[in-house]
Amino acid sequence: MLYSGFYGDLKNAPMIKNCPITLECQLTETIDLPTNYLFIGEIKGAYGDENCFIGGKPDIIEINPLLLSMPDNSYWQVGEFLGRACKIGRSLKA
């Protein structure tokens, strides 16, 4: 599948048209943590497949995001634990 890109109103970061929902954010703060950085942004625009919205609001079940929780490095779907991030990656290398 080829992924086509586009730019939102801010015009500074490409977004993937094939994603069910894309949020266009503007960086408002960067916090230096002991092992990494925490980036905080303000959502400036939301773009997505019309099937992923109900009454103008995102439908989390239809979007079906893959989430990574920290610091336990676990992958989740909405309401469902999928596995430990690094462990799953190692099994794919084998």
PDB file of N, CA and C in Angstrom:
ATOM      1  N   MET A   1       0.847  -1.180   0.000  1.00  0.00           N
ATOM      2  CA  MET A   1       0.000   0.000   0.000  1.00  0.00           C
ATOM      3  C   MET A   1       0.891   1.241   0.000  1.00  0.00           C
ATOM      4  N   LEU A   2       0.625   2.162  -0.889  1.00  0.00           N
ATOM      5  CA  LEU A   2       1.346   3.422  -0.911  1.00  0.00           C
ATOM      6  C   LEU A   2       0.661   4.397   0.036  1.00  0.00           C
ATOM      7  N   TYR A   3       1.467   5.128   0.756  1.00  0.00           N
ATOM      8  CA  TYR A   3       0.932   6.117   1.680  1.00  0.00           C
ATOM      9  C   TYR A   3       1.077   7.490   1.063  1.00  0.00           C
ATOM     10  N   SER A   4      -0.011   8.208   1.001  1.00  0.00           N
ATOM     11  CA  SER A   4       0.062   9.562   0.467  1.00  0.00           C
ATOM     12  C   SER A   4       0.020  10.543   1.628  1.00  0.00           C
ATOM     13  N   GLY A   5       0.764  11.596   1.484  1.00  0.00           N
ATOM     14  CA  GLY A   5       0.865  12.581   2.547  1.00  0.00           C
ATOM     15  C   GLY A   5       0.134  13.864   2.222  1.00  0.00           C
ATOM     16  N   PHE A   6       0.006  14.685   3.233  1.00  0.00           N
ATOM     17  CA  PHE A   6      -0.595  16.003   3.064  1.00  0.00           C
ATOM     18  C   PHE A   6      -0.120  16.882   4.209  1.00  0.00           C
ATOM     19  N   TYR A   7      -0.370  18.158   4.094  1.00  0.00           N
ATOM     20  CA  TYR A   7      -0.046  19.111   5.144  1.00  0.00           C
ATOM     21  C   TYR A   7      -1.339  19.751   5.634  1.00  0.00           C
ATOM     22  N   GLY A   8      -1.394  20.005   6.926  1.00  0.00           N
ATOM     23  CA  GLY A   8      -2.548  20.687   7.507  1.00  0.00           C
ATOM     24  C   GLY A   8      -2.359  22.192   7.432  1.00  0.00           C
ATOM     25  N   ASP A   9      -3.102  22.901   8.230  1.00  0.00           N
ATOM     26  CA  ASP A   9      -3.071  24.366   8.217  1.00  0.00           C
ATOM     27  C   ASP A   9      -1.720  24.942   8.646  1.00  0.00           C
ATOM     28  N   LEU A  10      -1.005  24.269   9.545  1.00  0.00           N
ATOM     29  CA  LEU A  10       0.282  24.802  10.022  1.00  0.00           C
ATOM     30  C   LEU A  10       1.391  24.667   8.985  1.00  0.00           C
ATOM     31  N   LYS A  11       1.272  23.721   8.076  1.00  0.00           N
ATOM     32  CA  LYS A  11       2.211  23.531   6.959  1.00  0.00           C
ATOM     33  C   LYS A  11       3.643  23.169   7.372  1.00  0.00           C
ATOM     34  N   ASN A  12       3.890  22.663   8.617  1.00  0.00           N
ATOM     35  CA  ASN A  12       5.276  22.357   8.968  1.00  0.00           C
ATOM     36  C   ASN A  12       5.576  20.884   9.174  1.00  0.00           C
ATOM     37  N   ALA A  13       4.618  20.009   9.164  1.00  0.00           N
ATOM     38  CA  ALA A  13       4.916  18.589   9.327  1.00  0.00           C
ATOM     39  C   ALA A  13       3.982  17.777   8.431  1.00  0.00           C
ATOM     40  N   PRO A  14       4.554  16.857   7.655  1.00  0.00           N
ATOM     41  CA  PRO A  14       3.697  16.035   6.801  1.00  0.00           C
ATOM     42  C   PRO A  14       2.878  15.053   7.636  1.00  0.00           C
ATOM     43  N   MET A  15       1.675  14.777   7.174  1.00  0.00           N
ATOM     44  CA  MET A  15       0.799  13.821   7.836  1.00  0.00           C
ATOM     45  C   MET A  15       0.420  12.742   6.829  1.00  0.00           C
ATOM     46  N   ILE A  16       0.034  11.580   7.322  1.00  0.00           N
ATOM     47  CA  ILE A  16      -0.291  10.450   6.454  1.00  0.00           C
ATOM     48  C   ILE A  16      -1.795  10.404   6.212  1.00  0.00           C
ATOM     49  N   LYS A  17      -2.178  10.539   4.961  1.00  0.00           N
ATOM     50  CA  LYS A  17      -3.590  10.576   4.589  1.00  0.00           C
ATOM     51  C   LYS A  17      -4.310   9.270   4.922  1.00  0.00           C
ATOM     52  N   ASN A  18      -3.602   8.135   4.895  1.00  0.00           N
ATOM     53  CA  ASN A  18      -4.215   6.831   5.100  1.00  0.00           C
ATOM     54  C   ASN A  18      -4.499   6.516   6.570  1.00  0.00           C
ATOM     55  N   CYS A  19      -4.063   7.362   7.496  1.00  0.00           N
ATOM     56  CA  CYS A  19      -4.351   7.130   8.919  1.00  0.00           C
ATOM     57  C   CYS A  19      -5.823   7.415   9.182  1.00  0.00           C
ATOM     58  N   PRO A  20      -6.450   6.660  10.088  1.00  0.00           N
ATOM     59  CA  PRO A  20      -7.858   6.918  10.365  1.00  0.00           C
ATOM     60  C   PRO A  20      -8.093   8.309  10.948  1.00  0.00           C
ATOM     61  N   ILE A  21      -7.147   8.804  11.731  1.00  0.00           N
ATOM     62  CA  ILE A  21      -7.242  10.163  12.284  1.00  0.00           C
ATOM     63  C   ILE A  21      -5.821  10.699  12.458  1.00  0.00           C
ATOM     64  N   THR A  22      -5.636  11.955  12.139  1.00  0.00           N
ATOM     65  CA  THR A  22      -4.345  12.612  12.281  1.00  0.00           C
ATOM     66  C   THR A  22      -4.559  13.920  13.035  1.00  0.00           C
ATOM     67  N   LEU A  23      -3.735  14.144  14.050  1.00  0.00           N
ATOM     68  CA  LEU A  23      -3.822  15.377  14.830  1.00  0.00           C
ATOM     69  C   LEU A  23      -2.644  16.269  14.483  1.00  0.00           C
ATOM     70  N   GLU A  24      -2.927  17.497  14.161  1.00  0.00           N
ATOM     71  CA  GLU A  24      -1.890  18.483  13.858  1.00  0.00           C
ATOM     72  C   GLU A  24      -1.638  19.277  15.136  1.00  0.00           C
ATOM     73  N   CYS A  25      -0.409  19.187  15.650  1.00  0.00           N
ATOM     74  CA  CYS A  25      -0.086  19.800  16.940  1.00  0.00           C
ATOM     75  C   CYS A  25       1.005  20.851  16.792  1.00  0.00           C
ATOM     76  N   GLN A  26       0.976  21.805  17.706  1.00  0.00           N
ATOM     77  CA  GLN A  26       2.026  22.810  17.792  1.00  0.00           C
ATOM     78  C   GLN A  26       2.723  22.614  19.134  1.00  0.00           C
ATOM     79  N   LEU A  27       4.045  22.498  19.103  1.00  0.00           N
ATOM     80  CA  LEU A  27       4.829  22.298  20.316  1.00  0.00           C
ATOM     81  C   LEU A  27       4.716  23.520  21.220  1.00  0.00           C
ATOM     82  N   THR A  28       4.341  23.287  22.484  1.00  0.00           N
ATOM     83  CA  THR A  28       4.214  24.392  23.433  1.00  0.00           C
ATOM     84  C   THR A  28       5.257  24.330  24.538  1.00  0.00           C
ATOM     85  N   GLU A  29       5.772  23.121  24.821  1.00  0.00           N
ATOM     86  CA  GLU A  29       6.752  22.992  25.903  1.00  0.00           C
ATOM     87  C   GLU A  29       7.544  21.706  25.735  1.00  0.00           C
ATOM     88  N   THR A  30       8.821  21.755  26.078  1.00  0.00           N
ATOM     89  CA  THR A  30       9.674  20.578  26.104  1.00  0.00           C
ATOM     90  C   THR A  30      10.242  20.452  27.516  1.00  0.00           C
ATOM     91  N   ILE A  31      10.041  19.294  28.133  1.00  0.00           N
ATOM     92  CA  ILE A  31      10.529  19.059  29.490  1.00  0.00           C
ATOM     93  C   ILE A  31      11.645  18.029  29.430  1.00  0.00           C
ATOM     94  N   ASP A  32      12.796  18.398  29.968  1.00  0.00           N
ATOM     95  CA  ASP A  32      13.965  17.524  29.994  1.00  0.00           C
ATOM     96  C   ASP A  32      13.851  16.589  31.201  1.00  0.00           C
ATOM     97  N   LEU A  33      13.640  15.293  30.931  1.00  0.00           N
ATOM     98  CA  LEU A  33      13.542  14.284  31.979  1.00  0.00           C
ATOM     99  C   LEU A  33      14.881  13.561  32.116  1.00  0.00           C
ATOM    100  N   PRO A  34      15.085  12.764  33.156  1.00  0.00           N
ATOM    101  CA  PRO A  34      16.374  12.093  33.351  1.00  0.00           C
ATOM    102  C   PRO A  34      16.812  11.213  32.179  1.00  0.00           C
ATOM    103  N   THR A  35      15.875  10.546  31.499  1.00  0.00           N
ATOM    104  CA  THR A  35      16.285   9.630  30.423  1.00  0.00           C
ATOM    105  C   THR A  35      15.743   9.999  29.053  1.00  0.00           C
ATOM    106  N   ASN A  36      14.889  11.006  28.970  1.00  0.00           N
ATOM    107  CA  ASN A  36      14.321  11.399  27.681  1.00  0.00           C
ATOM    108  C   ASN A  36      13.673  12.774  27.795  1.00  0.00           C
ATOM    109  N   TYR A  37      12.907  13.136  26.802  1.00  0.00           N
ATOM    110  CA  TYR A  37      12.196  14.414  26.791  1.00  0.00           C
ATOM    111  C   TYR A  37      10.693  14.165  26.745  1.00  0.00           C
ATOM    112  N   LEU A  38       9.956  15.044  27.353  1.00  0.00           N
ATOM    113  CA  LEU A  38       8.498  15.025  27.263  1.00  0.00           C
ATOM    114  C   LEU A  38       8.100  16.241  26.442  1.00  0.00           C
ATOM    115  N   PHE A  39       7.435  15.995  25.320  1.00  0.00           N
ATOM    116  CA  PHE A  39       6.984  17.073  24.446  1.00  0.00           C
ATOM    117  C   PHE A  39       5.498  17.300  24.690  1.00  0.00           C
ATOM    118  N   ILE A  40       5.126  18.535  24.933  1.00  0.00           N
ATOM    119  CA  ILE A  40       3.735  18.907  25.167  1.00  0.00           C
ATOM    120  C   ILE A  40       3.302  19.817  24.031  1.00  0.00           C
ATOM    121  N   GLY A  41       2.159  19.500  23.465  1.00  0.00           N
ATOM    122  CA  GLY A  41       1.688  20.282  22.339  1.00  0.00           C
ATOM    123  C   GLY A  41       0.222  20.623  22.452  1.00  0.00           C
ATOM    124  N   GLU A  42      -0.183  21.564  21.626  1.00  0.00           N
ATOM    125  CA  GLU A  42      -1.585  21.967  21.534  1.00  0.00           C
ATOM    126  C   GLU A  42      -2.131  21.478  20.201  1.00  0.00           C
ATOM    127  N   ILE A  43      -3.257  20.793  20.234  1.00  0.00           N
ATOM    128  CA  ILE A  43      -3.874  20.307  19.007  1.00  0.00           C
ATOM    129  C   ILE A  43      -4.453  21.499  18.250  1.00  0.00           C
ATOM    130  N   LYS A  44      -3.998  21.653  17.005  1.00  0.00           N
ATOM    131  CA  LYS A  44      -4.437  22.773  16.166  1.00  0.00           C
ATOM    132  C   LYS A  44      -5.393  22.337  15.063  1.00  0.00           C
ATOM    133  N   GLY A  45      -5.386  21.044  14.746  1.00  0.00           N
ATOM    134  CA  GLY A  45      -6.275  20.551  13.703  1.00  0.00           C
ATOM    135  C   GLY A  45      -6.434  19.053  13.814  1.00  0.00           C
ATOM    136  N   ALA A  46      -7.577  18.544  13.381  1.00  0.00           N
ATOM    137  CA  ALA A  46      -7.836  17.098  13.366  1.00  0.00           C
ATOM    138  C   ALA A  46      -8.373  16.736  11.988  1.00  0.00           C
ATOM    139  N   TYR A  47      -7.805  15.697  11.414  1.00  0.00           N
ATOM    140  CA  TYR A  47      -8.183  15.268  10.076  1.00  0.00           C
ATOM    141  C   TYR A  47      -8.421  13.768  10.137  1.00  0.00           C
ATOM    142  N   GLY A  48      -9.385  13.291   9.412  1.00  0.00           N
ATOM    143  CA  GLY A  48      -9.602  11.859   9.449  1.00  0.00           C
ATOM    144  C   GLY A  48     -10.712  11.372   8.554  1.00  0.00           C
ATOM    145  N   ASP A  49     -10.778  10.056   8.528  1.00  0.00           N
ATOM    146  CA  ASP A  49     -11.806   9.345   7.796  1.00  0.00           C
ATOM    147  C   ASP A  49     -13.151   9.641   8.458  1.00  0.00           C
ATOM    148  N   GLU A  50     -14.135  10.036   7.691  1.00  0.00           N
ATOM    149  CA  GLU A  50     -15.436  10.400   8.268  1.00  0.00           C
ATOM    150  C   GLU A  50     -16.077   9.237   9.030  1.00  0.00           C
ATOM    151  N   ASN A  51     -15.697   7.993   8.710  1.00  0.00           N
ATOM    152  CA  ASN A  51     -16.223   6.835   9.427  1.00  0.00           C
ATOM    153  C   ASN A  51     -15.684   6.739  10.857  1.00  0.00           C
ATOM    154  N   CYS A  52     -14.642   7.505  11.164  1.00  0.00           N
ATOM    155  CA  CYS A  52     -14.023   7.474  12.490  1.00  0.00           C
ATOM    156  C   CYS A  52     -14.602   8.524  13.424  1.00  0.00           C
ATOM    157  N   PHE A  53     -15.682   9.153  13.019  1.00  0.00           N
ATOM    158  CA  PHE A  53     -16.309  10.188  13.833  1.00  0.00           C
ATOM    159  C   PHE A  53     -17.796   9.886  14.009  1.00  0.00           C
ATOM    160  N   ILE A  54     -18.293  10.158  15.187  1.00  0.00           N
ATOM    161  CA  ILE A  54     -19.729  10.075  15.473  1.00  0.00           C
ATOM    162  C   ILE A  54     -20.135  11.424  16.051  1.00  0.00           C
ATOM    163  N   GLY A  55     -21.046  12.093  15.386  1.00  0.00           N
ATOM    164  CA  GLY A  55     -21.493  13.402  15.861  1.00  0.00           C
ATOM    165  C   GLY A  55     -20.363  14.406  15.963  1.00  0.00           C
ATOM    166  N   GLY A  56     -19.384  14.323  15.061  1.00  0.00           N
ATOM    167  CA  GLY A  56     -18.265  15.257  15.063  1.00  0.00           C
ATOM    168  C   GLY A  56     -17.170  14.944  16.069  1.00  0.00           C
ATOM    169  N   LYS A  57     -17.311  13.841  16.806  1.00  0.00           N
ATOM    170  CA  LYS A  57     -16.306  13.462  17.808  1.00  0.00           C
ATOM    171  C   LYS A  57     -15.649  12.148  17.401  1.00  0.00           C
ATOM    172  N   PRO A  58     -14.351  11.998  17.707  1.00  0.00           N
ATOM    173  CA  PRO A  58     -13.658  10.751  17.340  1.00  0.00           C
ATOM    174  C   PRO A  58     -14.304   9.525  17.995  1.00  0.00           C
ATOM    175  N   ASP A  59     -14.444   8.456  17.213  1.00  0.00           N
ATOM    176  CA  ASP A  59     -14.951   7.177  17.696  1.00  0.00           C
ATOM    177  C   ASP A  59     -13.746   6.270  17.949  1.00  0.00           C
ATOM    178  N   ILE A  60     -13.342   6.142  19.207  1.00  0.00           N
ATOM    179  CA  ILE A  60     -12.115   5.428  19.572  1.00  0.00           C
ATOM    180  C   ILE A  60     -12.159   3.958  19.146  1.00  0.00           C
ATOM    181  N   ILE A  61     -13.326   3.352  19.146  1.00  0.00           N
ATOM    182  CA  ILE A  61     -13.440   1.950  18.732  1.00  0.00           C
ATOM    183  C   ILE A  61     -13.167   1.815  17.230  1.00  0.00           C
ATOM    184  N   GLU A  62     -13.722   2.714  16.431  1.00  0.00           N
ATOM    185  CA  GLU A  62     -13.511   2.675  14.978  1.00  0.00           C
ATOM    186  C   GLU A  62     -12.063   3.010  14.614  1.00  0.00           C
ATOM    187  N   ILE A  63     -11.454   3.935  15.329  1.00  0.00           N
ATOM    188  CA  ILE A  63     -10.061   4.317  15.076  1.00  0.00           C
ATOM    189  C   ILE A  63      -9.127   3.154  15.415  1.00  0.00           C
ATOM    190  N   ASN A  64      -9.427   2.439  16.506  1.00  0.00           N
ATOM    191  CA  ASN A  64      -8.668   1.265  16.926  1.00  0.00           C
ATOM    192  C   ASN A  64      -7.160   1.543  17.004  1.00  0.00           C
ATOM    193  N   PRO A  65      -6.754   2.499  17.856  1.00  0.00           N
ATOM    194  CA  PRO A  65      -5.333   2.859  17.903  1.00  0.00           C
ATOM    195  C   PRO A  65      -4.476   1.789  18.586  1.00  0.00           C
ATOM    196  N   LEU A  66      -3.211   1.780  18.230  1.00  0.00           N
ATOM    197  CA  LEU A  66      -2.201   0.989  18.934  1.00  0.00           C
ATOM    198  C   LEU A  66      -1.524   1.954  19.895  1.00  0.00           C
ATOM    199  N   LEU A  67      -1.537   1.644  21.177  1.00  0.00           N
ATOM    200  CA  LEU A  67      -1.011   2.538  22.198  1.00  0.00           C
ATOM    201  C   LEU A  67       0.190   1.922  22.886  1.00  0.00           C
ATOM    202  N   LEU A  68       1.149   2.750  23.269  1.00  0.00           N
ATOM    203  CA  LEU A  68       2.319   2.317  24.032  1.00  0.00           C
ATOM    204  C   LEU A  68       2.276   3.037  25.362  1.00  0.00           C
ATOM    205  N   SER A  69       2.234   2.290  26.456  1.00  0.00           N
ATOM    206  CA  SER A  69       2.245   2.907  27.779  1.00  0.00           C
ATOM    207  C   SER A  69       3.658   2.870  28.340  1.00  0.00           C
ATOM    208  N   MET A  70       4.003   3.892  29.078  1.00  0.00           N
ATOM    209  CA  MET A  70       5.329   4.003  29.684  1.00  0.00           C
ATOM    210  C   MET A  70       5.141   4.117  31.181  1.00  0.00           C
ATOM    211  N   PRO A  71       6.013   3.698  32.043  1.00  0.00           N
ATOM    212  CA  PRO A  71       7.333   3.141  31.747  1.00  0.00           C
ATOM    213  C   PRO A  71       7.346   1.621  31.598  1.00  0.00           C
ATOM    214  N   ASP A  72       6.190   0.964  31.539  1.00  0.00           N
ATOM    215  CA  ASP A  72       6.177  -0.502  31.455  1.00  0.00           C
ATOM    216  C   ASP A  72       6.335  -1.028  30.034  1.00  0.00           C
ATOM    217  N   ASN A  73       6.414  -0.143  29.043  1.00  0.00           N
ATOM    218  CA  ASN A  73       6.615  -0.525  27.644  1.00  0.00           C
ATOM    219  C   ASN A  73       5.643  -1.602  27.187  1.00  0.00           C
ATOM    220  N   SER A  74       4.360  -1.359  27.395  1.00  0.00           N
ATOM    221  CA  SER A  74       3.333  -2.315  26.998  1.00  0.00           C
ATOM    222  C   SER A  74       2.500  -1.745  25.857  1.00  0.00           C
ATOM    223  N   TYR A  75       2.149  -2.619  24.906  1.00  0.00           N
ATOM    224  CA  TYR A  75       1.247  -2.243  23.825  1.00  0.00           C
ATOM    225  C   TYR A  75      -0.182  -2.583  24.235  1.00  0.00           C
ATOM    226  N   TRP A  76      -1.109  -1.725  23.856  1.00  0.00           N
ATOM    227  CA  TRP A  76      -2.510  -1.906  24.180  1.00  0.00           C
ATOM    228  C   TRP A  76      -3.368  -1.547  22.979  1.00  0.00           C
ATOM    229  N   GLN A  77      -4.524  -2.170  22.895  1.00  0.00           N
ATOM    230  CA  GLN A  77      -5.619  -1.668  22.090  1.00  0.00           C
ATOM    231  C   GLN A  77      -6.623  -1.174  23.109  1.00  0.00           C
ATOM    232  N   VAL A  78      -7.663  -0.537  22.670  1.00  0.00           N
ATOM    233  CA  VAL A  78      -8.627  -0.007  23.623  1.00  0.00           C
ATOM    234  C   VAL A  78      -9.162  -1.153  24.473  1.00  0.00           C
ATOM    235  N   GLY A  79      -8.821  -1.110  25.777  1.00  0.00           N
ATOM    236  CA  GLY A  79      -9.300  -2.100  26.721  1.00  0.00           C
ATOM    237  C   GLY A  79      -8.642  -3.452  26.659  1.00  0.00           C
ATOM    238  N   GLU A  80      -7.633  -3.636  25.792  1.00  0.00           N
ATOM    239  CA  GLU A  80      -7.037  -4.957  25.635  1.00  0.00           C
ATOM    240  C   GLU A  80      -5.514  -4.877  25.669  1.00  0.00           C
ATOM    241  N   PHE A  81      -4.897  -5.615  26.610  1.00  0.00           N
ATOM    242  CA  PHE A  81      -3.443  -5.698  26.688  1.00  0.00           C
ATOM    243  C   PHE A  81      -2.945  -6.567  25.541  1.00  0.00           C
ATOM    244  N   LEU A  82      -1.951  -6.093  24.803  1.00  0.00           N
ATOM    245  CA  LEU A  82      -1.417  -6.841  23.669  1.00  0.00           C
ATOM    246  C   LEU A  82      -0.073  -7.484  23.949  1.00  0.00           C
ATOM    247  N   GLY A  83       0.739  -6.904  24.833  1.00  0.00           N
ATOM    248  CA  GLY A  83       2.030  -7.504  25.142  1.00  0.00           C
ATOM    249  C   GLY A  83       3.070  -6.470  25.498  1.00  0.00           C
ATOM    250  N   ARG A  84       4.222  -6.939  25.928  1.00  0.00           N
ATOM    251  CA  ARG A  84       5.344  -6.090  26.291  1.00  0.00           C
ATOM    252  C   ARG A  84       6.107  -5.691  25.025  1.00  0.00           C
ATOM    253  N   ALA A  85       6.368  -4.409  24.885  1.00  0.00           N
ATOM    254  CA  ALA A  85       6.925  -3.860  23.651  1.00  0.00           C
ATOM    255  C   ALA A  85       8.241  -4.527  23.238  1.00  0.00           C
ATOM    256  N   CYS A  86       9.244  -4.519  24.081  1.00  0.00           N
ATOM    257  CA  CYS A  86      10.550  -5.059  23.691  1.00  0.00           C
ATOM    258  C   CYS A  86      10.483  -6.567  23.498  1.00  0.00           C
ATOM    259  N   LYS A  87       9.698  -7.258  24.294  1.00  0.00           N
ATOM    260  CA  LYS A  87       9.594  -8.706  24.183  1.00  0.00           C
ATOM    261  C   LYS A  87       8.976  -9.105  22.832  1.00  0.00           C
ATOM    262  N   ILE A  88       7.935  -8.395  22.410  1.00  0.00           N
ATOM    263  CA  ILE A  88       7.310  -8.680  21.130  1.00  0.00           C
ATOM    264  C   ILE A  88       8.312  -8.447  19.994  1.00  0.00           C
ATOM    265  N   GLY A  89       9.070  -7.365  20.067  1.00  0.00           N
ATOM    266  CA  GLY A  89      10.061  -7.070  19.036  1.00  0.00           C
ATOM    267  C   GLY A  89      11.126  -8.145  18.919  1.00  0.00           C
ATOM    268  N   ARG A  90      11.605  -8.642  20.058  1.00  0.00           N
ATOM    269  CA  ARG A  90      12.622  -9.716  20.027  1.00  0.00           C
ATOM    270  C   ARG A  90      12.069 -10.969  19.369  1.00  0.00           C
ATOM    271  N   SER A  91      10.807 -11.300  19.619  1.00  0.00           N
ATOM    272  CA  SER A  91      10.233 -12.508  19.029  1.00  0.00           C
ATOM    273  C   SER A  91      10.119 -12.372  17.508  1.00  0.00           C
ATOM    274  N   LEU A  92       9.956 -11.164  16.999  1.00  0.00           N
ATOM    275  CA  LEU A  92       9.863 -10.963  15.557  1.00  0.00           C
ATOM    276  C   LEU A  92      11.219 -11.122  14.868  1.00  0.00           C
ATOM    277  N   LYS A  93      12.314 -10.861  15.606  1.00  0.00           N
ATOM    278  CA  LYS A  93      13.654 -10.994  15.038  1.00  0.00           C
ATOM    279  C   LYS A  93      14.033 -12.463  14.831  1.00  0.00           C
ATOM    280  N   ALA A  94      13.479 -13.331  15.656  1.00  0.00           N
ATOM    281  CA  ALA A  94      13.856 -14.754  15.625  1.00  0.00           C
ATOM    282  C   ALA A  94      13.428 -15.444  14.352  1.00  0.00           C
TER     283      ALA A  94
END
